[in-house]
């Protein structure tokens, strides 16, 4: 004999209301976990080992202009400078302003230098940051987070 299961409309409406109420938090969690995944890949592929501790993940936030959910992966801090120069220039940034090396060299500057290279110095182009954004891996992490944060209501099945 065939079995019949009856799902009341109230249950489905309650589940939909729960997901609707939590969708903002779910999206923020999805971007945070994806950014953590990318940061891990950046740390493993960074060209200098002393730069790994300077890879940071921002807090998740909503942009007011378009309502998007964002989390950034970035470099922060300074590395000691052991050269004789007292200043260096970051062309294309702040009009080629001179920066003092008292604090050291900004890690963000070194990351850009390794990522894009420089034609007039011994820094060939060695992209590592862009390669860390693996679309399939990010999608997988975001779907797992979506399922976890929704309590299993939102799945791929």
N, C-alpha and C. Protein backbone atom coordinates (compact mmCIF):
# COMPACT_ATOMS: atom_id res chain seq x y z
N UNK A 1 0.84 -1.17 0.00
CA UNK A 1 0.00 0.00 0.00
C UNK A 1 0.89 1.24 0.00
N UNK A 2 0.52 2.26 -0.71
CA UNK A 2 1.29 3.49 -0.85
C UNK A 2 1.12 4.36 0.40
N UNK A 3 2.19 5.03 0.77
CA UNK A 3 2.15 5.93 1.92
C UNK A 3 1.97 7.36 1.43
N UNK A 4 1.27 8.14 2.21
CA UNK A 4 1.00 9.52 1.84
C UNK A 4 1.46 10.42 2.99
N UNK A 5 2.29 11.42 2.65
CA UNK A 5 2.72 12.38 3.66
C UNK A 5 2.12 13.73 3.33
N UNK A 6 1.54 14.34 4.31
CA UNK A 6 0.90 15.63 4.11
C UNK A 6 1.76 16.70 4.77
N UNK A 7 2.19 17.65 3.97
CA UNK A 7 2.92 18.80 4.49
C UNK A 7 1.95 19.97 4.52
N UNK A 8 1.79 20.53 5.68
CA UNK A 8 0.87 21.65 5.76
C UNK A 8 1.55 22.90 5.20
N UNK A 9 0.76 23.77 4.66
CA UNK A 9 1.28 25.01 4.11
C UNK A 9 1.92 25.89 5.16
N UNK A 10 1.48 25.75 6.41
CA UNK A 10 2.04 26.56 7.49
C UNK A 10 3.51 26.23 7.72
N UNK A 11 3.87 24.95 7.64
CA UNK A 11 5.27 24.57 7.83
C UNK A 11 6.17 25.20 6.77
N UNK A 12 5.73 25.12 5.55
CA UNK A 12 6.52 25.67 4.45
C UNK A 12 6.62 27.18 4.57
N UNK A 13 5.53 27.84 4.94
CA UNK A 13 5.56 29.29 5.12
C UNK A 13 6.49 29.70 6.27
N UNK A 14 6.49 28.91 7.35
CA UNK A 14 7.38 29.20 8.47
C UNK A 14 8.84 29.07 8.04
N UNK A 15 9.14 28.02 7.26
CA UNK A 15 10.51 27.82 6.78
C UNK A 15 10.93 28.96 5.84
N UNK A 16 10.03 29.36 4.97
CA UNK A 16 10.34 30.46 4.06
C UNK A 16 10.53 31.77 4.83
N UNK A 17 9.73 31.99 5.84
CA UNK A 17 9.88 33.18 6.67
C UNK A 17 11.19 33.19 7.42
N UNK A 18 11.61 32.01 7.91
CA UNK A 18 12.88 31.88 8.62
C UNK A 18 14.04 32.22 7.69
N UNK A 19 14.01 31.67 6.48
CA UNK A 19 15.08 31.94 5.52
C UNK A 19 15.08 33.41 5.12
N UNK A 20 13.90 33.98 4.91
CA UNK A 20 13.82 35.40 4.52
C UNK A 20 14.36 36.30 5.62
N UNK A 21 14.06 35.95 6.86
CA UNK A 21 14.51 36.74 8.00
C UNK A 21 16.03 36.68 8.15
N UNK A 22 16.62 35.52 7.85
CA UNK A 22 18.05 35.32 8.05
C UNK A 22 18.90 35.50 6.80
N UNK A 23 18.30 35.85 5.67
CA UNK A 23 19.06 35.86 4.41
C UNK A 23 20.23 36.84 4.44
N UNK A 24 20.08 37.99 5.08
CA UNK A 24 21.20 38.93 5.17
C UNK A 24 22.38 38.34 5.91
N UNK A 25 22.12 37.69 7.05
CA UNK A 25 23.19 37.04 7.81
C UNK A 25 23.79 35.87 7.05
N UNK A 26 22.96 35.14 6.33
CA UNK A 26 23.44 34.00 5.54
C UNK A 26 24.41 34.50 4.47
N UNK A 27 24.04 35.56 3.76
CA UNK A 27 24.91 36.08 2.70
C UNK A 27 26.23 36.60 3.26
N UNK A 28 26.17 37.29 4.40
CA UNK A 28 27.40 37.80 5.01
C UNK A 28 28.31 36.65 5.44
N UNK A 29 27.72 35.59 5.99
CA UNK A 29 28.51 34.43 6.39
C UNK A 29 29.13 33.74 5.18
N UNK A 30 28.38 33.70 4.08
CA UNK A 30 28.89 33.08 2.86
C UNK A 30 30.12 33.82 2.34
N UNK A 31 30.05 35.16 2.30
CA UNK A 31 31.19 35.91 1.80
C UNK A 31 32.38 35.84 2.77
N UNK A 32 32.10 35.79 4.08
CA UNK A 32 33.18 35.70 5.07
C UNK A 32 33.93 34.37 4.91
N UNK A 33 33.20 33.27 4.80
CA UNK A 33 33.83 31.97 4.65
C UNK A 33 34.59 31.86 3.33
N UNK A 34 34.04 32.43 2.26
CA UNK A 34 34.75 32.42 0.97
C UNK A 34 36.03 33.24 1.07
N UNK A 35 36.00 34.38 1.76
CA UNK A 35 37.20 35.20 1.92
C UNK A 35 38.25 34.47 2.75
N UNK A 36 37.82 33.75 3.78
CA UNK A 36 38.76 32.96 4.58
C UNK A 36 39.42 31.88 3.74
N UNK A 37 38.65 31.26 2.85
CA UNK A 37 39.17 30.24 1.93
C UNK A 37 40.23 30.87 1.02
N UNK A 38 39.93 32.02 0.44
CA UNK A 38 40.87 32.70 -0.45
C UNK A 38 42.11 33.13 0.34
N UNK A 39 41.94 33.64 1.55
CA UNK A 39 43.08 34.07 2.36
C UNK A 39 44.01 32.90 2.65
N UNK A 40 43.46 31.73 2.89
CA UNK A 40 44.29 30.54 3.11
C UNK A 40 45.10 30.19 1.87
N UNK A 41 44.47 30.31 0.71
CA UNK A 41 45.18 30.04 -0.55
C UNK A 41 46.25 31.10 -0.81
N UNK A 42 45.98 32.36 -0.46
CA UNK A 42 46.97 33.42 -0.62
C UNK A 42 48.16 33.15 0.30
N UNK A 43 47.89 32.78 1.55
CA UNK A 43 48.97 32.51 2.50
C UNK A 43 49.87 31.37 2.02
N UNK A 44 49.28 30.38 1.38
CA UNK A 44 50.08 29.25 0.92
C UNK A 44 50.86 29.56 -0.35
N UNK A 45 50.48 30.58 -1.10
CA UNK A 45 51.17 30.87 -2.36
C UNK A 45 51.93 32.19 -2.36
N UNK A 46 52.01 32.86 -1.23
CA UNK A 46 52.71 34.15 -1.17
C UNK A 46 54.21 33.92 -1.44
N UNK A 47 54.86 34.81 -2.22
CA UNK A 47 56.25 34.56 -2.61
C UNK A 47 57.27 34.66 -1.48
N UNK A 48 56.97 35.39 -0.43
CA UNK A 48 57.89 35.51 0.71
C UNK A 48 57.20 35.01 1.95
N UNK A 49 57.86 34.17 2.71
CA UNK A 49 57.24 33.57 3.90
C UNK A 49 56.93 34.60 4.98
N UNK A 50 57.68 35.71 5.04
CA UNK A 50 57.42 36.71 6.07
C UNK A 50 56.19 37.57 5.77
N UNK A 51 55.60 37.38 4.60
CA UNK A 51 54.38 38.13 4.25
C UNK A 51 53.10 37.40 4.66
N UNK A 52 53.20 36.13 5.05
CA UNK A 52 52.00 35.34 5.34
C UNK A 52 51.21 35.89 6.53
N UNK A 53 51.91 36.39 7.52
CA UNK A 53 51.19 36.90 8.71
C UNK A 53 50.51 38.24 8.43
N UNK A 54 50.79 38.84 7.30
CA UNK A 54 50.21 40.14 6.96
C UNK A 54 48.98 40.03 6.06
N UNK A 55 48.55 38.80 5.75
CA UNK A 55 47.33 38.61 4.97
C UNK A 55 46.15 38.70 5.93
N UNK A 56 45.23 39.59 5.67
CA UNK A 56 44.11 39.86 6.56
C UNK A 56 42.78 39.68 5.83
N UNK A 57 41.74 39.45 6.60
CA UNK A 57 40.37 39.37 6.08
C UNK A 57 39.56 40.41 6.83
N UNK A 58 38.87 41.28 6.08
CA UNK A 58 38.09 42.34 6.71
C UNK A 58 36.80 41.76 7.30
N UNK A 59 36.11 42.58 8.03
CA UNK A 59 34.79 42.16 8.51
C UNK A 59 33.83 42.20 7.32
N UNK A 60 32.78 41.45 7.40
CA UNK A 60 31.78 41.45 6.33
C UNK A 60 30.89 42.68 6.49
N UNK A 61 30.51 43.26 5.37
CA UNK A 61 29.69 44.47 5.41
C UNK A 61 28.81 44.56 4.18
N UNK A 62 27.78 45.37 4.28
CA UNK A 62 26.88 45.63 3.16
C UNK A 62 27.25 46.98 2.56
N UNK A 63 27.30 47.06 1.24
CA UNK A 63 27.58 48.34 0.60
C UNK A 63 26.26 49.10 0.45
N UNK A 64 26.21 50.34 0.87
CA UNK A 64 24.96 51.10 0.79
C UNK A 64 24.54 51.44 -0.64
N UNK A 65 25.50 51.53 -1.55
CA UNK A 65 25.15 51.96 -2.90
C UNK A 65 24.35 50.91 -3.67
N UNK A 66 24.74 49.64 -3.53
CA UNK A 66 24.04 48.60 -4.29
C UNK A 66 23.49 47.47 -3.43
N UNK A 67 23.68 47.54 -2.13
CA UNK A 67 23.17 46.50 -1.24
C UNK A 67 23.93 45.19 -1.30
N UNK A 68 25.14 45.22 -1.85
CA UNK A 68 25.95 44.01 -1.96
C UNK A 68 26.57 43.61 -0.63
N UNK A 69 26.95 42.35 -0.52
CA UNK A 69 27.61 41.83 0.67
C UNK A 69 29.07 41.60 0.32
N UNK A 70 29.99 42.17 1.11
CA UNK A 70 31.40 42.11 0.78
C UNK A 70 32.26 41.74 1.98
N UNK A 71 33.37 41.07 1.68
CA UNK A 71 34.43 40.81 2.63
C UNK A 71 35.72 40.88 1.83
N UNK A 72 36.69 41.62 2.32
CA UNK A 72 37.92 41.83 1.57
C UNK A 72 39.06 40.98 2.11
N UNK A 73 39.95 40.58 1.20
CA UNK A 73 41.22 39.95 1.55
C UNK A 73 42.29 40.96 1.17
N UNK A 74 43.15 41.32 2.11
CA UNK A 74 44.12 42.37 1.85
C UNK A 74 45.40 42.14 2.63
N UNK A 75 46.42 42.93 2.31
CA UNK A 75 47.70 42.91 3.01
C UNK A 75 47.78 44.14 3.89
N UNK A 76 48.34 43.98 5.07
CA UNK A 76 48.45 45.10 6.00
C UNK A 76 49.76 44.99 6.77
N UNK A 77 50.37 46.11 7.05
CA UNK A 77 51.58 46.13 7.87
C UNK A 77 52.82 46.46 7.09
N UNK A 78 53.95 46.35 7.77
CA UNK A 78 55.24 46.71 7.20
C UNK A 78 56.25 45.58 7.44
N UNK A 79 57.21 45.48 6.53
CA UNK A 79 58.35 44.58 6.70
C UNK A 79 59.59 45.44 6.90
N UNK A 80 60.54 44.99 7.71
CA UNK A 80 61.73 45.80 7.94
C UNK A 80 62.51 46.04 6.64
N UNK A 81 63.09 47.21 6.55
CA UNK A 81 63.88 47.58 5.37
C UNK A 81 65.35 47.60 5.77
N UNK A 82 66.16 46.87 5.04
CA UNK A 82 67.57 46.77 5.41
C UNK A 82 68.50 47.47 4.42
N UNK A 83 67.94 48.23 3.50
CA UNK A 83 68.77 48.92 2.50
C UNK A 83 69.31 50.24 2.99
N UNK A 84 70.07 50.90 2.12
CA UNK A 84 70.68 52.18 2.47
C UNK A 84 69.76 53.36 2.16
N UNK A 85 68.74 53.13 1.34
CA UNK A 85 67.85 54.22 0.95
C UNK A 85 66.99 54.68 2.12
N UNK A 86 66.72 55.96 2.15
CA UNK A 86 65.88 56.51 3.21
C UNK A 86 64.45 56.72 2.74
N UNK A 87 64.24 56.72 1.41
CA UNK A 87 62.90 56.92 0.87
C UNK A 87 62.72 56.01 -0.35
N UNK A 88 61.46 55.82 -0.74
CA UNK A 88 61.15 55.13 -1.99
C UNK A 88 59.90 55.76 -2.56
N UNK A 89 59.69 55.58 -3.86
CA UNK A 89 58.58 56.20 -4.56
C UNK A 89 57.59 55.13 -4.99
N UNK A 90 56.32 55.39 -4.78
CA UNK A 90 55.26 54.51 -5.28
C UNK A 90 54.59 55.24 -6.42
N UNK A 91 55.06 55.01 -7.62
CA UNK A 91 54.50 55.69 -8.79
C UNK A 91 53.08 55.25 -9.02
N UNK A 92 52.27 56.19 -9.51
CA UNK A 92 50.87 55.88 -9.77
C UNK A 92 50.03 55.91 -8.51
N UNK A 93 50.65 56.12 -7.39
CA UNK A 93 49.94 56.15 -6.11
C UNK A 93 50.30 57.47 -5.44
N UNK A 94 49.37 58.30 -5.19
CA UNK A 94 49.58 59.60 -4.53
C UNK A 94 50.55 60.46 -5.31
N UNK A 95 50.50 60.38 -6.63
CA UNK A 95 51.30 61.26 -7.47
C UNK A 95 52.79 61.02 -7.39
N UNK A 96 53.23 59.79 -7.12
CA UNK A 96 54.66 59.50 -7.05
C UNK A 96 55.31 60.06 -5.80
N UNK A 97 54.56 60.16 -4.73
CA UNK A 97 55.02 60.71 -3.47
C UNK A 97 56.16 59.86 -2.90
N UNK A 98 57.10 60.51 -2.24
CA UNK A 98 58.19 59.81 -1.57
C UNK A 98 57.71 59.31 -0.21
N UNK A 99 58.05 58.08 0.11
CA UNK A 99 57.70 57.49 1.40
C UNK A 99 58.97 57.19 2.17
N UNK A 100 58.99 57.46 3.44
CA UNK A 100 60.14 57.17 4.28
C UNK A 100 60.17 55.68 4.60
N UNK A 101 61.37 55.16 4.80
CA UNK A 101 61.52 53.74 5.12
C UNK A 101 61.71 53.50 6.61
N UNK A 102 61.39 54.50 7.44
CA UNK A 102 61.56 54.35 8.89
C UNK A 102 60.73 53.19 9.43
N UNK A 103 59.47 53.09 9.00
CA UNK A 103 58.60 52.00 9.45
C UNK A 103 58.94 50.69 8.74
N UNK A 104 59.51 50.80 7.56
CA UNK A 104 59.79 49.64 6.73
C UNK A 104 59.07 49.79 5.40
N UNK A 105 58.95 48.71 4.68
CA UNK A 105 58.29 48.72 3.39
C UNK A 105 56.87 48.18 3.58
N UNK A 106 55.85 48.88 3.07
CA UNK A 106 54.49 48.37 3.20
C UNK A 106 54.33 47.01 2.48
N UNK A 107 53.72 46.07 3.15
CA UNK A 107 53.55 44.74 2.57
C UNK A 107 52.63 44.81 1.36
N UNK A 108 51.68 45.71 1.38
CA UNK A 108 50.80 45.90 0.22
C UNK A 108 51.62 46.26 -1.02
N UNK A 109 52.62 47.13 -0.85
CA UNK A 109 53.49 47.54 -1.95
C UNK A 109 54.27 46.35 -2.49
N UNK A 110 54.81 45.52 -1.60
CA UNK A 110 55.55 44.34 -2.05
C UNK A 110 54.65 43.34 -2.76
N UNK A 111 53.43 43.19 -2.27
CA UNK A 111 52.48 42.27 -2.92
C UNK A 111 52.17 42.73 -4.35
N UNK A 112 51.96 44.03 -4.52
CA UNK A 112 51.71 44.57 -5.86
C UNK A 112 52.93 44.38 -6.75
N UNK A 113 54.11 44.58 -6.18
CA UNK A 113 55.35 44.42 -6.94
C UNK A 113 55.53 42.98 -7.41
N UNK A 114 55.25 42.01 -6.54
CA UNK A 114 55.35 40.61 -6.94
C UNK A 114 54.24 40.22 -7.92
N UNK A 115 53.05 40.75 -7.71
CA UNK A 115 51.91 40.38 -8.55
C UNK A 115 52.06 40.87 -9.99
N UNK A 116 52.46 42.12 -10.15
CA UNK A 116 52.51 42.72 -11.48
C UNK A 116 53.92 42.89 -12.03
N UNK A 117 54.93 42.76 -11.19
CA UNK A 117 56.30 42.89 -11.65
C UNK A 117 56.67 44.34 -11.92
N UNK A 118 57.91 44.51 -12.38
CA UNK A 118 58.39 45.83 -12.73
C UNK A 118 59.41 45.65 -13.84
N UNK A 119 59.27 46.38 -14.89
CA UNK A 119 60.10 46.17 -16.07
C UNK A 119 61.54 46.64 -15.88
N UNK A 120 61.79 47.56 -14.99
CA UNK A 120 63.14 48.13 -14.86
C UNK A 120 63.89 47.61 -13.65
N UNK A 121 63.47 46.54 -13.07
CA UNK A 121 64.16 46.01 -11.90
C UNK A 121 64.17 44.49 -11.96
N UNK A 122 64.87 43.87 -11.05
CA UNK A 122 64.90 42.41 -11.05
C UNK A 122 63.65 41.77 -10.44
N UNK A 123 62.50 42.40 -10.60
CA UNK A 123 61.25 41.83 -10.10
C UNK A 123 60.39 41.39 -11.28
N UNK A 124 60.51 40.14 -11.69
CA UNK A 124 59.63 39.68 -12.77
C UNK A 124 58.20 39.49 -12.25
N UNK A 125 57.29 39.46 -13.14
CA UNK A 125 55.87 39.27 -12.81
C UNK A 125 55.68 37.84 -12.27
N UNK A 126 55.17 37.73 -11.03
CA UNK A 126 54.89 36.43 -10.41
C UNK A 126 53.51 36.46 -9.76
N UNK A 127 52.46 36.36 -10.56
CA UNK A 127 51.11 36.47 -9.99
C UNK A 127 50.82 35.35 -8.99
N UNK A 128 50.36 35.72 -7.84
CA UNK A 128 49.97 34.75 -6.82
C UNK A 128 48.60 35.08 -6.25
N UNK A 129 48.25 36.36 -6.20
CA UNK A 129 47.00 36.78 -5.58
C UNK A 129 45.80 36.42 -6.45
N UNK A 130 45.86 36.77 -7.72
CA UNK A 130 44.74 36.49 -8.63
C UNK A 130 44.52 34.98 -8.79
N UNK A 131 45.59 34.21 -8.74
CA UNK A 131 45.46 32.75 -8.88
C UNK A 131 44.82 32.11 -7.66
N UNK A 132 44.77 32.81 -6.57
CA UNK A 132 44.18 32.27 -5.34
C UNK A 132 42.66 32.26 -5.39
N UNK A 133 42.07 32.95 -6.34
CA UNK A 133 40.61 33.01 -6.46
C UNK A 133 40.13 31.87 -7.35
N UNK A 134 39.96 30.71 -6.75
CA UNK A 134 39.51 29.50 -7.43
C UNK A 134 37.98 29.49 -7.40
N UNK A 135 37.35 29.71 -8.55
CA UNK A 135 35.89 29.87 -8.60
C UNK A 135 35.16 28.63 -8.11
N UNK A 136 35.60 27.45 -8.50
CA UNK A 136 34.91 26.22 -8.06
C UNK A 136 35.03 26.02 -6.56
N UNK A 137 36.21 26.28 -6.01
CA UNK A 137 36.40 26.13 -4.57
C UNK A 137 35.58 27.14 -3.78
N UNK A 138 35.52 28.37 -4.29
CA UNK A 138 34.74 29.41 -3.62
C UNK A 138 33.26 29.05 -3.65
N UNK A 139 32.77 28.58 -4.81
CA UNK A 139 31.36 28.16 -4.90
C UNK A 139 31.05 27.05 -3.92
N UNK A 140 31.96 26.09 -3.80
CA UNK A 140 31.74 24.95 -2.89
C UNK A 140 31.65 25.43 -1.44
N UNK A 141 32.58 26.30 -1.05
CA UNK A 141 32.59 26.83 0.32
C UNK A 141 31.31 27.62 0.59
N UNK A 142 30.90 28.43 -0.38
CA UNK A 142 29.70 29.25 -0.18
C UNK A 142 28.44 28.38 -0.09
N UNK A 143 28.35 27.33 -0.87
CA UNK A 143 27.18 26.45 -0.80
C UNK A 143 27.13 25.70 0.53
N UNK A 144 28.29 25.26 1.03
CA UNK A 144 28.33 24.59 2.33
C UNK A 144 27.89 25.54 3.44
N UNK A 145 28.34 26.78 3.36
CA UNK A 145 27.96 27.78 4.36
C UNK A 145 26.47 28.08 4.27
N UNK A 146 25.96 28.19 3.06
CA UNK A 146 24.53 28.45 2.87
C UNK A 146 23.69 27.35 3.49
N UNK A 147 24.09 26.11 3.28
CA UNK A 147 23.36 24.98 3.85
C UNK A 147 23.43 25.00 5.38
N UNK A 148 24.63 25.26 5.92
CA UNK A 148 24.82 25.28 7.37
C UNK A 148 24.03 26.41 8.02
N UNK A 149 24.13 27.61 7.46
CA UNK A 149 23.48 28.78 8.06
C UNK A 149 21.96 28.76 7.93
N UNK A 150 21.44 28.08 6.92
CA UNK A 150 19.98 28.02 6.76
C UNK A 150 19.37 26.85 7.52
N UNK A 151 20.20 26.09 8.21
CA UNK A 151 19.68 24.94 8.94
C UNK A 151 19.30 23.79 8.04
N UNK A 152 19.92 23.71 6.87
CA UNK A 152 19.64 22.64 5.93
C UNK A 152 18.48 22.89 5.00
N UNK A 153 17.85 24.07 5.11
CA UNK A 153 16.70 24.36 4.26
C UNK A 153 17.10 24.70 2.82
N UNK A 154 18.24 25.37 2.66
CA UNK A 154 18.72 25.73 1.34
C UNK A 154 19.83 24.77 0.93
N UNK A 155 19.55 23.89 0.02
CA UNK A 155 20.53 22.93 -0.45
C UNK A 155 20.55 22.88 -1.95
N UNK A 156 21.54 22.22 -2.52
CA UNK A 156 21.66 22.05 -3.97
C UNK A 156 20.71 21.01 -4.51
N UNK A 157 20.20 20.19 -3.67
CA UNK A 157 19.40 19.04 -4.12
C UNK A 157 18.06 19.44 -4.66
